[in-house]
Amino acid sequence: MKIRKGDNVKVIAGKDRGKTGKVTQAFPEIGKVVVEGVNTTVKHMKVRKQGEKGQRLEYSGPLAVDNVQLICPKCSQPTKLGKKLLAEGGKDKKVRTCKKCKEAIE
């Protein structure tokens, strides 16, 4: 999975199409990400003790990683990602690259 925690992404499909946000959680084993402010859901908490009040909790639910696109920090456009090998100190290092501006993304 090429999208990581901390990346800025744009939603390209679903009810929140067009919204942007930062990835707060990534679940590579199931191919989902949580983006703050996107796919908000309300959970109603029941009263547990006498005298307490019930609550409505809003949280961001997970989205399929196929429905988001990374926003390149260099060119500020939604883009696909590629991989490139860079030689650093005798070791090869894989880095993500922007397909539009061909710059490495760290």
C-alpha atoms as a PDB file:
ATOM      1  CA  MET A   1       0.000   0.000   0.000  1.00  0.00           C
ATOM      2  CA  LYS A   2       1.519   3.312  -1.092  1.00  0.00           C
ATOM      3  CA  ILE A   3      -0.515   5.653   1.154  1.00  0.00           C
ATOM      4  CA  ARG A   4       0.938   6.123   4.653  1.00  0.00           C
ATOM      5  CA  LYS A   5      -0.017   7.763   7.917  1.00  0.00           C
ATOM      6  CA  GLY A   6       0.533  11.533   7.745  1.00  0.00           C
ATOM      7  CA  ASP A   7      -0.037  11.873   3.976  1.00  0.00           C
ATOM      8  CA  ASN A   8      -2.421  14.513   2.608  1.00  0.00           C
ATOM      9  CA  VAL A   9      -4.973  12.850   0.345  1.00  0.00           C
ATOM     10  CA  LYS A  10      -7.995  13.767  -1.783  1.00  0.00           C
ATOM     11  CA  VAL A  11     -11.102  11.562  -1.859  1.00  0.00           C
ATOM     12  CA  ILE A  12     -11.923  10.631  -5.462  1.00  0.00           C
ATOM     13  CA  ALA A  13     -14.995   8.413  -4.933  1.00  0.00           C
ATOM     14  CA  GLY A  14     -17.895   8.073  -2.535  1.00  0.00           C
ATOM     15  CA  LYS A  15     -20.141  10.470  -0.629  1.00  0.00           C
ATOM     16  CA  ASP A  16     -17.224  12.724   0.371  1.00  0.00           C
ATOM     17  CA  ARG A  17     -15.753  13.047  -3.146  1.00  0.00           C
ATOM     18  CA  GLY A  18     -13.565  16.134  -3.513  1.00  0.00           C
ATOM     19  CA  LYS A  19     -12.703  16.522   0.174  1.00  0.00           C
ATOM     20  CA  THR A  20      -9.100  16.555   1.321  1.00  0.00           C
ATOM     21  CA  GLY A  21      -7.540  15.604   4.627  1.00  0.00           C
ATOM     22  CA  LYS A  22      -4.658  14.015   6.455  1.00  0.00           C
ATOM     23  CA  VAL A  23      -4.398  10.242   6.927  1.00  0.00           C
ATOM     24  CA  THR A  24      -4.615   9.493  10.672  1.00  0.00           C
ATOM     25  CA  GLN A  25      -4.530   5.689  10.477  1.00  0.00           C
ATOM     26  CA  ALA A  26      -3.570   3.163   7.824  1.00  0.00           C
ATOM     27  CA  PHE A  27      -4.590  -0.504   7.734  1.00  0.00           C
ATOM     28  CA  PRO A  28      -2.460  -2.113   4.990  1.00  0.00           C
ATOM     29  CA  GLU A  29      -3.649  -5.652   5.731  1.00  0.00           C
ATOM     30  CA  ILE A  30      -7.249  -4.738   4.806  1.00  0.00           C
ATOM     31  CA  GLY A  31      -6.429  -1.910   2.357  1.00  0.00           C
ATOM     32  CA  LYS A  32      -8.150   0.921   4.241  1.00  0.00           C
ATOM     33  CA  VAL A  33      -7.189   4.350   5.577  1.00  0.00           C
ATOM     34  CA  VAL A  34      -8.826   6.794   7.989  1.00  0.00           C
ATOM     35  CA  VAL A  35      -8.829  10.424   6.819  1.00  0.00           C
ATOM     36  CA  GLU A  36      -9.670  13.140   9.324  1.00  0.00           C
ATOM     37  CA  GLY A  37     -12.928  14.957   8.597  1.00  0.00           C
ATOM     38  CA  VAL A  38     -14.012  12.446   5.944  1.00  0.00           C
ATOM     39  CA  ASN A  39     -16.589   9.627   6.204  1.00  0.00           C
ATOM     40  CA  THR A  40     -17.837  10.879   9.582  1.00  0.00           C
ATOM     41  CA  THR A  41     -20.189   8.579  11.439  1.00  0.00           C
ATOM     42  CA  VAL A  42     -22.206   9.115  14.617  1.00  0.00           C
ATOM     43  CA  LYS A  43     -22.241   6.526  17.379  1.00  0.00           C
ATOM     44  CA  HIS A  44     -24.813   6.840  20.152  1.00  0.00           C
ATOM     45  CA  MET A  45     -23.475   5.913  23.597  1.00  0.00           C
ATOM     46  CA  LYS A  46     -26.002   4.472  25.999  1.00  0.00           C
ATOM     47  CA  VAL A  47     -26.355   5.677  29.594  1.00  0.00           C
ATOM     48  CA  ARG A  48     -24.378   3.366  31.917  1.00  0.00           C
ATOM     49  CA  LYS A  49     -24.982   4.806  35.383  1.00  0.00           C
ATOM     50  CA  GLN A  50     -27.899   6.577  37.030  1.00  0.00           C
ATOM     51  CA  GLY A  51     -27.646  10.344  36.516  1.00  0.00           C
ATOM     52  CA  GLU A  52     -25.325  10.231  33.494  1.00  0.00           C
ATOM     53  CA  LYS A  53     -26.325  11.518  30.099  1.00  0.00           C
ATOM     54  CA  GLY A  54     -26.086   9.671  26.819  1.00  0.00           C
ATOM     55  CA  GLN A  55     -23.666  10.919  24.184  1.00  0.00           C
ATOM     56  CA  ARG A  56     -23.325  11.226  20.438  1.00  0.00           C
ATOM     57  CA  LEU A  57     -19.770  10.497  19.363  1.00  0.00           C
ATOM     58  CA  GLU A  58     -18.634  11.542  15.888  1.00  0.00           C
ATOM     59  CA  TYR A  59     -15.668   9.728  14.382  1.00  0.00           C
ATOM     60  CA  SER A  60     -14.092   9.237  10.978  1.00  0.00           C
ATOM     61  CA  GLY A  61     -14.586   5.768   9.556  1.00  0.00           C
ATOM     62  CA  PRO A  62     -12.141   3.902   7.320  1.00  0.00           C
ATOM     63  CA  LEU A  63     -12.159   4.347   3.523  1.00  0.00           C
ATOM     64  CA  ALA A  64     -10.851   2.006   0.872  1.00  0.00           C
ATOM     65  CA  VAL A  65      -7.374   3.093  -0.194  1.00  0.00           C
ATOM     66  CA  ASP A  66      -8.531   2.865  -3.837  1.00  0.00           C
ATOM     67  CA  ASN A  67     -10.876   5.809  -3.202  1.00  0.00           C
ATOM     68  CA  VAL A  68      -8.137   8.275  -2.225  1.00  0.00           C
ATOM     69  CA  GLN A  69      -5.276   9.886  -4.128  1.00  0.00           C
ATOM     70  CA  LEU A  70      -2.129  11.377  -2.631  1.00  0.00           C
ATOM     71  CA  ILE A  71      -1.623  15.133  -2.942  1.00  0.00           C
ATOM     72  CA  CYS A  72       2.000  15.728  -3.937  1.00  0.00           C
ATOM     73  CA  PRO A  73       3.737  18.088  -1.472  1.00  0.00           C
ATOM     74  CA  LYS A  74       5.884  19.526  -4.298  1.00  0.00           C
ATOM     75  CA  CYS A  75       3.319  20.243  -7.047  1.00  0.00           C
ATOM     76  CA  SER A  76       0.169  20.292  -4.805  1.00  0.00           C
ATOM     77  CA  GLN A  77      -1.857  18.140  -7.214  1.00  0.00           C
ATOM     78  CA  PRO A  78      -3.565  14.765  -6.695  1.00  0.00           C
ATOM     79  CA  THR A  79      -1.298  12.207  -8.307  1.00  0.00           C
ATOM     80  CA  LYS A  80      -0.525   8.547  -8.749  1.00  0.00           C
ATOM     81  CA  LEU A  81       2.558   7.168  -7.063  1.00  0.00           C
ATOM     82  CA  GLY A  82       5.519   5.351  -8.539  1.00  0.00           C
ATOM     83  CA  LYS A  83       8.577   3.737  -6.967  1.00  0.00           C
ATOM     84  CA  LYS A  84      12.209   4.513  -7.696  1.00  0.00           C
ATOM     85  CA  LEU A  85      15.495   3.094  -6.408  1.00  0.00           C
ATOM     86  CA  LEU A  86      17.976   5.650  -5.102  1.00  0.00           C
ATOM     87  CA  ALA A  87      21.575   4.750  -4.294  1.00  0.00           C
ATOM     88  CA  GLU A  88      22.522   6.232  -0.919  1.00  0.00           C
ATOM     89  CA  GLY A  89      25.885   5.344   0.625  1.00  0.00           C
ATOM     90  CA  GLY A  90      26.210   2.072  -1.266  1.00  0.00           C
ATOM     91  CA  LYS A  91      22.671   0.933  -0.388  1.00  0.00           C
ATOM     92  CA  ASP A  92      19.636   1.063  -2.629  1.00  0.00           C
ATOM     93  CA  LYS A  93      16.633   2.779  -1.083  1.00  0.00           C
ATOM     94  CA  LYS A  94      13.083   2.609  -2.448  1.00  0.00           C
ATOM     95  CA  VAL A  95      11.286   5.951  -2.506  1.00  0.00           C
ATOM     96  CA  ARG A  96       7.809   6.975  -3.606  1.00  0.00           C
ATOM     97  CA  THR A  97       7.700   9.350  -6.572  1.00  0.00           C
ATOM     98  CA  CYS A  98       5.063  11.669  -8.011  1.00  0.00           C
ATOM     99  CA  LYS A  99       4.022  10.634 -11.526  1.00  0.00           C
ATOM    100  CA  LYS A 100       3.313  14.265 -12.522  1.00  0.00           C
ATOM    101  CA  CYS A 101       6.409  16.162 -11.375  1.00  0.00           C
ATOM    102  CA  LYS A 102       8.751  13.126 -11.062  1.00  0.00           C
ATOM    103  CA  GLU A 103       9.923  14.283  -7.595  1.00  0.00           C
ATOM    104  CA  ALA A 104      10.651  11.934  -4.690  1.00  0.00           C
ATOM    105  CA  ILE A 105       8.157  12.026  -1.799  1.00  0.00           C
ATOM    106  CA  GLU A 106       9.419  11.483   1.740  1.00  0.00           C
END
